[in-house]
Amino acid sequence: MNAKSLMPYFFLGFLVAVFTNVNLIGFDTIGLICAYFHIKGLQPRWKAHGS
């Protein structure tokens, strides 16, 4: 992974996986919800740049 802006999410995912007893389906669901809100939060900024 060469995306330095995504590294905090990468390491946070490992930490959550290690210290919780959440199964893979639950962990994926949490990740999808976080990704959805992250993209929705970035959407106005993308529109401002004309993309």
N, C-alpha and C. Protein backbone atom coordinates (compact mmCIF):
# COMPACT_ATOMS: atom_id res chain seq x y z
N MET A 1 0.85 -1.19 0.00
CA MET A 1 0.00 0.00 0.00
C MET A 1 0.88 1.23 0.00
N ASN A 2 0.66 2.06 -0.98
CA ASN A 2 1.45 3.27 -1.09
C ASN A 2 0.61 4.51 -0.80
N ALA A 3 -0.58 4.35 -0.29
CA ALA A 3 -1.45 5.48 0.02
C ALA A 3 -1.25 5.88 1.48
N LYS A 4 -0.43 6.88 1.70
CA LYS A 4 -0.10 7.28 3.06
C LYS A 4 -1.32 7.82 3.80
N SER A 5 -2.30 8.36 3.10
CA SER A 5 -3.48 8.90 3.77
C SER A 5 -4.37 7.78 4.32
N LEU A 6 -4.21 6.55 3.83
CA LEU A 6 -5.02 5.44 4.29
C LEU A 6 -4.34 4.60 5.38
N MET A 7 -3.09 4.86 5.67
CA MET A 7 -2.36 4.07 6.66
C MET A 7 -2.98 4.09 8.05
N PRO A 8 -3.51 5.23 8.54
CA PRO A 8 -4.14 5.17 9.87
C PRO A 8 -5.29 4.17 9.93
N TYR A 9 -6.08 4.08 8.86
CA TYR A 9 -7.19 3.13 8.82
C TYR A 9 -6.68 1.70 8.78
N PHE A 10 -5.60 1.49 8.08
CA PHE A 10 -4.99 0.17 7.97
C PHE A 10 -4.55 -0.33 9.35
N PHE A 11 -3.81 0.49 10.08
CA PHE A 11 -3.34 0.10 11.39
C PHE A 11 -4.46 0.05 12.42
N LEU A 12 -5.41 0.95 12.32
CA LEU A 12 -6.56 0.92 13.23
C LEU A 12 -7.35 -0.37 13.04
N GLY A 13 -7.48 -0.83 11.82
CA GLY A 13 -8.17 -2.09 11.55
C GLY A 13 -7.48 -3.27 12.21
N PHE A 14 -6.15 -3.30 12.14
CA PHE A 14 -5.41 -4.37 12.81
C PHE A 14 -5.59 -4.31 14.31
N LEU A 15 -5.53 -3.12 14.89
CA LEU A 15 -5.70 -2.99 16.33
C LEU A 15 -7.08 -3.43 16.79
N VAL A 16 -8.11 -3.04 16.04
CA VAL A 16 -9.46 -3.44 16.41
C VAL A 16 -9.61 -4.96 16.28
N ALA A 17 -9.03 -5.55 15.25
CA ALA A 17 -9.12 -6.99 15.06
C ALA A 17 -8.42 -7.76 16.18
N VAL A 18 -7.31 -7.22 16.66
CA VAL A 18 -6.54 -7.91 17.70
C VAL A 18 -7.25 -7.84 19.06
N PHE A 19 -7.79 -6.67 19.40
CA PHE A 19 -8.30 -6.46 20.75
C PHE A 19 -9.80 -6.69 20.91
N THR A 20 -10.50 -7.07 19.85
CA THR A 20 -11.92 -7.37 19.98
C THR A 20 -12.18 -8.80 19.54
N ASN A 21 -13.33 -9.28 19.88
CA ASN A 21 -13.70 -10.64 19.52
C ASN A 21 -14.81 -10.60 18.47
N VAL A 22 -14.65 -9.73 17.48
CA VAL A 22 -15.64 -9.57 16.42
C VAL A 22 -15.28 -10.53 15.28
N ASN A 23 -16.29 -11.24 14.76
CA ASN A 23 -16.00 -12.15 13.64
C ASN A 23 -15.79 -11.36 12.35
N LEU A 24 -15.41 -12.05 11.30
CA LEU A 24 -15.04 -11.39 10.05
C LEU A 24 -16.21 -10.65 9.42
N ILE A 25 -17.40 -11.22 9.47
CA ILE A 25 -18.58 -10.57 8.90
C ILE A 25 -18.89 -9.27 9.64
N GLY A 26 -18.82 -9.30 10.96
CA GLY A 26 -19.05 -8.09 11.74
C GLY A 26 -18.01 -7.03 11.48
N PHE A 27 -16.76 -7.46 11.37
CA PHE A 27 -15.67 -6.52 11.10
C PHE A 27 -15.82 -5.89 9.72
N ASP A 28 -16.20 -6.68 8.72
CA ASP A 28 -16.43 -6.15 7.37
C ASP A 28 -17.59 -5.16 7.36
N THR A 29 -18.63 -5.45 8.12
CA THR A 29 -19.78 -4.55 8.18
C THR A 29 -19.38 -3.21 8.80
N ILE A 30 -18.60 -3.25 9.86
CA ILE A 30 -18.12 -2.02 10.48
C ILE A 30 -17.26 -1.24 9.48
N GLY A 31 -16.42 -1.92 8.75
CA GLY A 31 -15.57 -1.26 7.74
C GLY A 31 -16.37 -0.63 6.62
N LEU A 32 -17.42 -1.32 6.16
CA LEU A 32 -18.26 -0.76 5.11
C LEU A 32 -19.00 0.49 5.59
N ILE A 33 -19.49 0.45 6.81
CA ILE A 33 -20.19 1.62 7.35
C ILE A 33 -19.22 2.80 7.49
N CYS A 34 -18.03 2.54 7.99
CA CYS A 34 -17.04 3.62 8.12
C CYS A 34 -16.64 4.18 6.76
N ALA A 35 -16.46 3.31 5.77
CA ALA A 35 -16.10 3.76 4.43
C ALA A 35 -17.22 4.60 3.81
N TYR A 36 -18.46 4.20 4.03
CA TYR A 36 -19.60 4.95 3.50
C TYR A 36 -19.61 6.37 4.06
N PHE A 37 -19.47 6.50 5.38
CA PHE A 37 -19.50 7.83 5.98
C PHE A 37 -18.25 8.64 5.64
N HIS A 38 -17.13 7.98 5.44
CA HIS A 38 -15.91 8.68 5.03
C HIS A 38 -16.08 9.26 3.63
N ILE A 39 -16.62 8.47 2.71
CA ILE A 39 -16.85 8.96 1.35
C ILE A 39 -17.90 10.06 1.33
N LYS A 40 -18.96 9.90 2.09
CA LYS A 40 -19.99 10.95 2.15
C LYS A 40 -19.42 12.24 2.72
N GLY A 41 -18.49 12.13 3.65
CA GLY A 41 -17.86 13.32 4.23
C GLY A 41 -16.94 14.02 3.26
N LEU A 42 -16.35 13.27 2.32
CA LEU A 42 -15.45 13.86 1.34
C LEU A 42 -16.16 14.38 0.10
N GLN A 43 -17.40 13.99 -0.10
CA GLN A 43 -18.12 14.32 -1.32
C GLN A 43 -18.22 15.83 -1.60
N PRO A 44 -18.57 16.68 -0.63
CA PRO A 44 -18.63 18.11 -0.93
C PRO A 44 -17.28 18.68 -1.37
N ARG A 45 -16.19 18.16 -0.82
CA ARG A 45 -14.88 18.64 -1.21
C ARG A 45 -14.58 18.26 -2.66
N TRP A 46 -14.99 17.06 -3.09
CA TRP A 46 -14.77 16.65 -4.47
C TRP A 46 -15.56 17.53 -5.43
N LYS A 47 -16.80 17.85 -5.07
CA LYS A 47 -17.63 18.68 -5.94
C LYS A 47 -17.07 20.08 -6.05
N ALA A 48 -16.42 20.58 -5.01
CA ALA A 48 -15.84 21.92 -5.03
C ALA A 48 -14.68 22.02 -6.01
N HIS A 49 -14.00 20.90 -6.27
CA HIS A 49 -12.87 20.89 -7.20
C HIS A 49 -13.31 20.63 -8.64
N GLY A 50 -14.58 20.45 -8.87
CA GLY A 50 -15.08 20.24 -10.22
C GLY A 50 -15.01 18.81 -10.70
N SER A 51 -14.75 17.86 -9.83
CA SER A 51 -14.66 16.46 -10.26
C SER A 51 -16.02 15.82 -10.29
